[in-house]
Protein backbone atom coordinates (compact mmCIF):
# COMPACT_ATOMS: atom_id res chain seq x y z
CA MET A 1 68.05 84.46 76.88
CA ALA A 2 71.61 83.33 77.27
CA PRO A 3 73.31 84.29 80.53
CA ASP A 4 75.49 86.86 78.78
CA THR A 5 72.85 88.72 76.80
CA PRO A 6 72.52 92.47 77.30
CA HIS A 7 69.46 92.45 79.53
CA THR A 8 70.12 89.78 82.12
CA LEU A 9 69.71 90.40 85.81
CA GLY A 10 73.17 89.06 86.67
CA ALA A 11 76.53 90.73 86.27
CA PRO A 12 77.49 91.55 82.69
CA ARG A 13 79.77 88.87 81.30
CA VAL A 14 82.24 91.11 79.56
CA ASN A 15 85.82 91.23 80.57
CA ARG A 16 87.09 94.62 81.59
CA VAL A 17 89.48 95.88 78.99
CA ALA A 18 92.41 98.20 79.22
CA PRO A 19 91.62 101.10 76.89
CA ARG A 20 94.45 101.53 74.40
CA SER A 21 94.14 105.26 73.78
CA PRO A 22 92.57 108.36 75.33
CA LEU A 23 89.78 108.06 72.76
CA ASP A 24 89.12 104.50 73.98
CA ARG A 25 88.84 105.80 77.53
CA VAL A 26 86.37 108.50 76.50
CA ALA A 27 84.24 106.09 74.44
CA LEU A 28 84.13 103.51 77.21
CA ALA A 29 83.34 106.13 79.86
CA ILE A 30 80.46 107.47 77.76
CA ALA A 31 79.16 104.03 76.73
CA THR A 32 79.16 102.77 80.33
CA VAL A 33 77.86 106.12 81.67
CA GLY A 34 80.87 106.69 83.84
CA GLY A 35 81.07 103.05 84.90
CA VAL A 36 77.40 102.51 85.75
CA GLY A 37 77.35 99.75 83.12
CA TRP A 38 79.70 97.69 85.28
CA ALA A 39 77.02 97.41 87.99
CA PRO A 40 76.99 93.77 89.11
CA VAL A 41 73.20 93.43 88.88
CA ALA A 42 70.87 94.76 86.17
CA PRO A 43 73.12 97.52 84.77
CA GLY A 44 70.43 98.65 82.30
CA THR A 45 67.91 99.08 85.10
CA VAL A 46 70.47 100.91 87.24
CA ALA A 47 71.28 103.28 84.36
CA SER A 48 67.58 103.87 83.65
CA ALA A 49 66.82 104.61 87.32
CA LEU A 50 69.79 106.94 87.60
CA THR A 51 68.73 108.73 84.42
CA ILE A 52 65.16 109.38 85.56
CA VAL A 53 66.34 110.63 88.96
CA VAL A 54 68.86 112.99 87.33
CA LEU A 55 66.27 114.24 84.84
CA TRP A 56 63.80 114.89 87.64
CA LEU A 57 66.42 116.72 89.73
CA LEU A 58 67.60 118.85 86.79
CA ALA A 59 64.05 119.84 85.78
CA LEU A 60 65.19 120.80 82.27
CA SER A 61 63.10 122.91 79.93
CA PRO A 62 61.47 121.05 77.02
CA VAL A 63 64.02 122.51 74.60
CA ALA A 64 66.96 121.52 76.83
CA LEU A 65 65.51 118.01 77.15
CA ILE A 66 65.26 117.69 73.36
CA VAL A 67 68.85 118.90 72.94
CA LEU A 68 69.99 116.46 75.63
CA CYS A 69 68.17 113.54 74.00
CA VAL A 70 69.64 114.31 70.57
CA ALA A 71 73.15 114.81 71.99
CA VAL A 72 73.03 111.61 74.06
CA THR A 73 71.76 109.69 71.03
CA LEU A 74 74.43 110.96 68.65
CA ILE A 75 77.38 110.88 71.04
CA GLY A 76 76.12 107.65 72.57
CA GLY A 77 75.89 106.01 69.16
CA TRP A 78 79.52 106.88 68.47
CA ALA A 79 80.63 105.69 71.92
CA ALA A 80 78.59 102.47 71.72
CA HIS A 81 80.05 101.64 68.32
CA HIS A 82 83.59 102.26 69.57
CA ALA A 83 82.99 100.32 72.81
CA GLU A 84 81.47 97.36 70.96
CA ARG A 85 84.58 97.06 68.81
CA MET A 86 86.85 97.44 71.83
CA LEU A 87 84.90 94.83 73.86
CA GLY A 88 84.55 92.48 70.91
CA ARG A 89 80.80 91.89 71.34
CA LYS A 90 77.53 93.11 69.88
CA ASP A 91 75.61 95.24 72.40
CA PRO A 92 77.28 94.02 75.61
CA GLY A 93 75.32 94.76 78.79
CA VAL A 94 77.97 97.15 80.07
CA ILE A 95 76.97 99.65 77.38
CA VAL A 96 74.14 101.57 79.03
CA ILE A 97 74.21 104.94 77.24
CA ASP A 98 71.31 103.57 75.18
CA GLU A 99 69.22 103.40 78.36
CA VAL A 100 69.96 107.07 79.00
CA ALA A 101 68.74 107.99 75.50
CA GLY A 102 65.62 105.81 75.69
CA MET A 103 64.71 106.89 79.20
CA THR A 104 65.12 110.55 78.21
CA LEU A 105 62.89 110.03 75.17
CA SER A 106 60.22 108.39 77.36
CA VAL A 107 59.59 111.71 79.15
CA LEU A 108 60.42 114.10 76.33
CA PHE A 109 57.06 115.80 75.86
CA VAL A 110 55.39 115.38 79.25
CA PRO A 111 55.84 117.35 82.48
CA LEU A 112 58.12 115.31 84.71
CA SER A 113 56.21 114.70 87.93
CA ILE A 114 57.06 111.83 90.25
CA PRO A 115 54.10 109.68 89.04
CA ILE A 116 55.10 110.25 85.41
CA ALA A 117 58.74 109.49 86.19
CA VAL A 118 57.83 106.20 87.88
CA LEU A 119 55.39 105.20 85.13
CA ALA A 120 57.83 106.12 82.35
CA PHE A 121 60.62 104.19 84.09
CA LEU A 122 58.49 101.05 84.49
CA LEU A 123 57.13 101.17 80.95
CA PHE A 124 60.55 101.85 79.45
CA ARG A 125 62.09 98.90 81.26
CA VAL A 126 59.27 96.58 80.15
CA PHE A 127 59.58 97.67 76.51
CA ASP A 128 63.37 97.54 76.65
CA VAL A 129 63.28 93.94 77.84
CA VAL A 130 60.32 92.72 75.72
CA LYS A 131 61.46 94.60 72.58
CA PRO A 132 58.23 94.88 70.59
CA VAL A 133 58.38 95.45 66.83
CA PRO A 134 60.46 97.22 65.53
CA ALA A 135 62.80 97.31 68.56
CA ARG A 136 63.97 93.71 68.19
CA GLN A 137 64.67 94.23 64.48
CA ALA A 138 66.54 97.46 65.23
CA GLN A 139 69.11 95.50 67.23
CA GLU A 140 70.33 94.06 63.93
CA LEU A 141 71.42 97.49 62.71
CA PRO A 142 75.20 97.77 62.53
CA GLY A 143 77.37 99.33 65.24
CA GLY A 144 76.11 102.03 67.54
CA ALA A 145 72.81 102.36 65.69
CA GLY A 146 71.91 98.78 66.66
CA VAL A 147 72.72 99.54 70.28
CA MET A 148 70.79 102.83 70.44
CA VAL A 149 67.73 102.45 68.22
CA ASP A 150 66.03 99.58 70.07
CA ASP A 151 66.10 101.63 73.29
CA LEU A 152 64.80 104.68 71.46
CA VAL A 153 61.90 102.56 70.20
CA ALA A 154 61.25 101.37 73.79
CA GLY A 155 61.34 105.00 74.93
CA LEU A 156 58.92 106.01 72.20
CA TYR A 157 56.47 103.27 73.19
CA ALA A 158 56.73 104.35 76.83
CA LEU A 159 56.22 108.01 75.90
CA GLY A 160 53.16 107.12 73.82
CA ILE A 161 51.50 105.29 76.69
CA VAL A 162 52.44 107.94 79.27
CA ALA A 163 51.06 110.72 77.03
CA ALA A 164 47.87 108.76 76.28
CA LEU A 165 47.26 107.99 79.96
CA ARG A 166 47.94 111.59 80.85
CA ALA A 167 45.39 112.74 78.26
CA LEU A 168 42.80 110.19 79.44
CA VAL A 169 43.26 110.87 83.14
CA GLY A 170 43.58 114.62 82.70
CA GLY A 171 47.21 114.98 83.70
CA PHE A 172 49.20 113.68 86.62
């Protein structure tokens, strides 16, 4: 990977931009999850960890979690598309709303215990970095869809393994 690709461990190599309008400010705030995307080291991992901690603390009902996942995906897709255009790059590492959507999906249909949260986090990060089929291909989708869908695929893979392990082990 090149040093400025979205999933490097170093600081994201995107220049901070001055938003031109209030809508730019909103899109950038959403896309970077309130600035988390500007973390100097591993912004995607930071956003994923923050997401799982917040989800665990909120202890949302399954319906609320589904609504949250759908809302983050739709609003995040809009914000990511807008932020990409503003930043002048395809899927820059500072856009981390996709990690929020994928991480949320990874625990969507399982009870969120600490072991499940840790396992889902680790699996999601592995799949987000490795990008198994069709995640890598999804990155080629235009605009916000290309930013969001690969992380949703990673979240789906993580959820599948978490659910299967839970069924095999009898719950944890």
